[in-house]
């Protein structure tokens, strides 16, 4: 199995990995901190999801962040669709009741 990014997508199945050779990581790995600090090695590329995960010390948004899904996911509809994100919200609400 390949890397799993902070957003929850396995890099092996991500189209960006094939197209631009980006390999994400969890938000707590040193490589992620370096990527955010250098905008992917000076390429000027910044993933807002990874940036947020690094700044908050969160490995995986879906598993570790109480704010998932946040506005970033709804604004981009990345990498999940609106219906999938709303399912997470509804399930969290039903567990709190």
N, C-alpha and C. Protein backbone atom coordinates (compact mmCIF):
# COMPACT_ATOMS: atom_id res chain seq x y z
N UNK A 1 0.84 -1.18 0.00
CA UNK A 1 0.00 0.00 0.00
C UNK A 1 0.88 1.24 0.00
N UNK A 2 0.47 2.25 -0.73
CA UNK A 2 1.22 3.48 -0.83
C UNK A 2 0.93 4.43 0.31
N UNK A 3 1.36 5.63 0.13
CA UNK A 3 1.11 6.68 1.11
C UNK A 3 -0.36 7.03 1.18
N UNK A 4 -0.83 7.38 2.35
CA UNK A 4 -2.17 7.91 2.50
C UNK A 4 -2.01 9.36 2.94
N UNK A 5 -2.66 10.24 2.21
CA UNK A 5 -2.55 11.66 2.48
C UNK A 5 -3.46 12.08 3.63
N UNK A 6 -3.24 13.26 4.16
CA UNK A 6 -4.05 13.79 5.26
C UNK A 6 -5.53 13.82 4.88
N UNK A 7 -5.84 14.02 3.61
CA UNK A 7 -7.23 14.07 3.15
C UNK A 7 -7.89 12.70 3.16
N UNK A 8 -7.09 11.64 3.25
CA UNK A 8 -7.65 10.29 3.29
C UNK A 8 -7.51 9.52 1.99
N UNK A 9 -7.03 10.15 0.95
CA UNK A 9 -6.87 9.48 -0.33
C UNK A 9 -5.52 8.76 -0.35
N UNK A 10 -5.52 7.54 -0.84
CA UNK A 10 -4.28 6.80 -1.04
C UNK A 10 -3.64 7.34 -2.32
N UNK A 11 -2.40 7.75 -2.22
CA UNK A 11 -1.71 8.35 -3.36
C UNK A 11 -1.68 7.44 -4.58
N UNK A 12 -1.73 6.13 -4.37
CA UNK A 12 -1.71 5.19 -5.49
C UNK A 12 -2.93 5.32 -6.38
N UNK A 13 -4.03 5.83 -5.86
CA UNK A 13 -5.24 5.97 -6.65
C UNK A 13 -5.58 7.42 -6.98
N UNK A 14 -4.71 8.34 -6.61
CA UNK A 14 -4.95 9.77 -6.85
C UNK A 14 -4.38 10.18 -8.21
N UNK A 15 -5.21 10.82 -9.00
CA UNK A 15 -4.78 11.28 -10.32
C UNK A 15 -3.67 12.30 -10.27
N UNK A 16 -3.63 13.13 -9.24
CA UNK A 16 -2.57 14.13 -9.13
C UNK A 16 -1.21 13.47 -8.95
N UNK A 17 -1.20 12.36 -8.28
CA UNK A 17 0.06 11.64 -8.08
C UNK A 17 0.66 11.25 -9.43
N UNK A 18 -0.18 10.75 -10.34
CA UNK A 18 0.31 10.37 -11.67
C UNK A 18 0.65 11.59 -12.52
N UNK A 19 -0.18 12.62 -12.44
CA UNK A 19 -0.01 13.77 -13.33
C UNK A 19 1.15 14.68 -12.93
N UNK A 20 1.28 14.97 -11.65
CA UNK A 20 2.31 15.92 -11.22
C UNK A 20 3.29 15.33 -10.21
N UNK A 21 3.24 14.01 -10.04
CA UNK A 21 4.17 13.30 -9.16
C UNK A 21 4.20 13.88 -7.75
N UNK A 22 3.03 14.21 -7.23
CA UNK A 22 2.99 14.64 -5.84
C UNK A 22 2.69 13.42 -4.99
N UNK A 23 3.33 13.33 -3.88
CA UNK A 23 3.06 12.25 -2.93
C UNK A 23 2.82 12.92 -1.60
N UNK A 24 1.59 12.85 -1.14
CA UNK A 24 1.25 13.47 0.14
C UNK A 24 1.62 12.55 1.28
N UNK A 25 1.28 12.97 2.44
CA UNK A 25 1.55 12.18 3.63
C UNK A 25 0.57 12.61 4.69
N UNK A 26 0.65 11.99 5.84
CA UNK A 26 -0.19 12.45 6.94
C UNK A 26 0.32 13.82 7.37
N UNK A 27 -0.49 14.52 8.11
CA UNK A 27 -0.13 15.87 8.51
C UNK A 27 0.88 15.96 9.64
N UNK A 28 1.31 14.82 10.18
CA UNK A 28 2.26 14.85 11.29
C UNK A 28 3.65 14.37 10.90
N UNK A 29 3.83 13.94 9.68
CA UNK A 29 5.14 13.47 9.24
C UNK A 29 6.05 14.65 8.91
N UNK A 30 7.34 14.46 9.12
CA UNK A 30 8.32 15.52 8.83
C UNK A 30 8.27 15.94 7.37
N UNK A 31 8.06 14.97 6.47
CA UNK A 31 8.00 15.29 5.05
C UNK A 31 6.84 16.24 4.76
N UNK A 32 5.74 16.10 5.47
CA UNK A 32 4.60 17.01 5.28
C UNK A 32 4.97 18.41 5.74
N UNK A 33 5.63 18.51 6.86
CA UNK A 33 6.05 19.82 7.36
C UNK A 33 6.99 20.49 6.38
N UNK A 34 7.91 19.71 5.80
CA UNK A 34 8.83 20.25 4.79
C UNK A 34 8.09 20.69 3.54
N UNK A 35 7.11 19.90 3.10
CA UNK A 35 6.34 20.24 1.90
C UNK A 35 5.59 21.55 2.10
N UNK A 36 4.98 21.70 3.26
CA UNK A 36 4.22 22.93 3.53
C UNK A 36 5.17 24.12 3.62
N UNK A 37 6.29 23.94 4.29
CA UNK A 37 7.24 25.05 4.46
C UNK A 37 7.86 25.49 3.14
N UNK A 38 8.07 24.54 2.23
CA UNK A 38 8.75 24.87 0.97
C UNK A 38 7.80 24.89 -0.22
N UNK A 39 6.50 24.78 0.03
CA UNK A 39 5.52 24.71 -1.07
C UNK A 39 5.91 23.64 -2.07
N UNK A 40 6.05 22.41 -1.59
CA UNK A 40 6.42 21.24 -2.38
C UNK A 40 7.76 21.45 -3.07
N UNK A 41 8.77 21.73 -2.27
CA UNK A 41 10.13 21.85 -2.81
C UNK A 41 10.33 23.03 -3.71
N UNK A 42 9.64 24.13 -3.45
CA UNK A 42 9.82 25.34 -4.22
C UNK A 42 9.03 25.37 -5.52
N UNK A 43 8.12 24.41 -5.71
CA UNK A 43 7.32 24.37 -6.94
C UNK A 43 6.12 25.30 -6.88
N UNK A 44 5.92 25.98 -5.74
CA UNK A 44 4.80 26.90 -5.62
C UNK A 44 3.46 26.23 -5.44
N UNK A 45 3.46 24.95 -5.11
CA UNK A 45 2.23 24.18 -4.96
C UNK A 45 1.94 24.04 -3.47
N UNK A 46 0.72 24.32 -3.09
CA UNK A 46 0.35 24.15 -1.69
C UNK A 46 -1.03 23.53 -1.62
N UNK A 47 -1.12 22.43 -0.91
CA UNK A 47 -2.41 21.80 -0.68
C UNK A 47 -2.97 22.39 0.62
N UNK A 48 -4.11 23.04 0.55
CA UNK A 48 -4.68 23.68 1.73
C UNK A 48 -5.07 22.67 2.79
N UNK A 49 -5.44 21.46 2.38
CA UNK A 49 -5.79 20.42 3.35
C UNK A 49 -4.54 19.99 4.12
N UNK A 50 -3.45 19.71 3.42
CA UNK A 50 -2.22 19.31 4.09
C UNK A 50 -1.68 20.46 4.93
N UNK A 51 -1.75 21.66 4.42
CA UNK A 51 -1.31 22.83 5.18
C UNK A 51 -2.06 22.93 6.51
N UNK A 52 -3.35 22.78 6.48
CA UNK A 52 -4.17 22.84 7.69
C UNK A 52 -3.83 21.70 8.64
N UNK A 53 -3.69 20.49 8.10
CA UNK A 53 -3.38 19.33 8.94
C UNK A 53 -2.04 19.51 9.65
N UNK A 54 -1.04 20.01 8.94
CA UNK A 54 0.27 20.25 9.54
C UNK A 54 0.16 21.28 10.65
N UNK A 55 -0.51 22.39 10.36
CA UNK A 55 -0.63 23.47 11.35
C UNK A 55 -1.39 23.04 12.59
N UNK A 56 -2.35 22.13 12.43
CA UNK A 56 -3.15 21.67 13.57
C UNK A 56 -2.60 20.40 14.21
N UNK A 57 -1.56 19.82 13.62
CA UNK A 57 -0.97 18.61 14.17
C UNK A 57 -1.88 17.40 14.02
N UNK A 58 -2.60 17.35 12.89
CA UNK A 58 -3.58 16.29 12.63
C UNK A 58 -3.02 15.36 11.57
N UNK A 59 -3.03 14.08 11.85
CA UNK A 59 -2.52 13.11 10.87
C UNK A 59 -3.49 12.99 9.69
N UNK A 60 -4.75 12.64 9.99
CA UNK A 60 -5.75 12.41 8.95
C UNK A 60 -7.04 13.13 9.31
N UNK A 61 -7.46 14.01 8.44
CA UNK A 61 -8.63 14.85 8.71
C UNK A 61 -9.85 14.03 9.12
N UNK A 62 -10.19 13.04 8.31
CA UNK A 62 -11.42 12.29 8.52
C UNK A 62 -11.42 11.55 9.87
N UNK A 63 -10.28 11.08 10.27
CA UNK A 63 -10.18 10.30 11.50
C UNK A 63 -9.90 11.17 12.73
N UNK A 64 -9.09 12.20 12.58
CA UNK A 64 -8.54 12.90 13.74
C UNK A 64 -9.09 14.30 13.99
N UNK A 65 -9.74 14.90 13.03
CA UNK A 65 -10.17 16.29 13.19
C UNK A 65 -11.66 16.36 13.54
N UNK A 66 -11.96 17.02 14.64
CA UNK A 66 -13.35 17.17 15.06
C UNK A 66 -14.14 18.08 14.13
N UNK A 67 -13.45 18.87 13.31
CA UNK A 67 -14.11 19.79 12.39
C UNK A 67 -14.36 19.17 11.01
N UNK A 68 -13.97 17.92 10.82
CA UNK A 68 -14.20 17.29 9.52
C UNK A 68 -15.67 16.97 9.34
N UNK A 69 -16.23 17.28 8.20
CA UNK A 69 -15.65 17.97 7.08
C UNK A 69 -15.76 19.48 7.25
N UNK A 70 -14.67 20.16 7.03
CA UNK A 70 -14.66 21.62 7.20
C UNK A 70 -14.99 22.31 5.87
N UNK A 71 -15.01 23.62 5.92
CA UNK A 71 -15.36 24.40 4.73
C UNK A 71 -14.44 24.12 3.55
N UNK A 72 -13.17 23.79 3.81
CA UNK A 72 -12.24 23.52 2.71
C UNK A 72 -12.77 22.40 1.82
N UNK A 73 -13.32 21.37 2.45
CA UNK A 73 -13.83 20.24 1.67
C UNK A 73 -15.08 20.63 0.88
N UNK A 74 -15.94 21.45 1.46
CA UNK A 74 -17.16 21.86 0.75
C UNK A 74 -16.84 22.87 -0.35
N UNK A 75 -15.90 23.76 -0.10
CA UNK A 75 -15.53 24.75 -1.11
C UNK A 75 -14.93 24.08 -2.33
N UNK A 76 -14.07 23.11 -2.11
CA UNK A 76 -13.40 22.45 -3.21
C UNK A 76 -14.15 21.25 -3.73
N UNK A 77 -15.00 20.65 -2.87
CA UNK A 77 -15.56 19.33 -3.15
C UNK A 77 -14.41 18.38 -3.46
N UNK A 78 -13.38 18.52 -2.68
CA UNK A 78 -12.16 17.74 -2.86
C UNK A 78 -11.79 17.08 -1.56
N UNK A 79 -11.44 15.87 -1.56
CA UNK A 79 -11.53 14.92 -2.66
C UNK A 79 -12.85 14.15 -2.65
N UNK A 80 -13.80 14.62 -1.83
CA UNK A 80 -15.06 13.91 -1.67
C UNK A 80 -16.22 14.78 -2.15
N UNK A 81 -17.29 14.15 -2.59
CA UNK A 81 -18.48 14.87 -3.02
C UNK A 81 -19.30 15.38 -1.85
N UNK A 82 -20.17 16.32 -2.13
CA UNK A 82 -20.99 16.96 -1.11
C UNK A 82 -21.85 15.94 -0.35
N UNK A 83 -22.44 14.99 -1.04
CA UNK A 83 -23.29 13.99 -0.39
C UNK A 83 -22.50 13.16 0.62
N UNK A 84 -21.28 12.79 0.26
CA UNK A 84 -20.44 12.01 1.16
C UNK A 84 -20.08 12.83 2.40
N UNK A 85 -19.76 14.09 2.21
CA UNK A 85 -19.41 14.96 3.34
C UNK A 85 -20.61 15.17 4.26
N UNK A 86 -21.78 15.35 3.68
CA UNK A 86 -23.00 15.53 4.48
C UNK A 86 -23.34 14.27 5.26
N UNK A 87 -23.02 13.09 4.70
CA UNK A 87 -23.23 11.84 5.42
C UNK A 87 -22.40 11.83 6.71
N UNK A 88 -21.18 12.30 6.63
CA UNK A 88 -20.33 12.37 7.83
C UNK A 88 -20.94 13.30 8.88
N UNK A 89 -21.44 14.43 8.45
CA UNK A 89 -22.06 15.38 9.38
C UNK A 89 -23.29 14.74 10.04
N UNK A 90 -24.14 14.11 9.24
CA UNK A 90 -25.36 13.50 9.77
C UNK A 90 -25.05 12.36 10.74
N UNK A 91 -24.06 11.56 10.42
CA UNK A 91 -23.71 10.45 11.33
C UNK A 91 -23.13 10.97 12.64
N UNK A 92 -22.33 12.01 12.56
CA UNK A 92 -21.78 12.60 13.79
C UNK A 92 -22.89 13.17 14.66
N UNK A 93 -23.85 13.84 14.03
CA UNK A 93 -24.98 14.40 14.77
C UNK A 93 -25.80 13.30 15.44
N UNK A 94 -26.04 12.20 14.73
CA UNK A 94 -26.85 11.12 15.29
C UNK A 94 -26.13 10.42 16.45
N UNK A 95 -24.82 10.41 16.44
CA UNK A 95 -24.05 9.82 17.55
C UNK A 95 -24.09 10.71 18.79
N UNK A 96 -24.26 12.01 18.59
CA UNK A 96 -24.28 12.95 19.71
C UNK A 96 -25.63 13.00 20.39
N UNK A 97 -26.66 12.51 19.73
CA UNK A 97 -28.02 12.57 20.30
C UNK A 97 -28.27 11.46 21.29
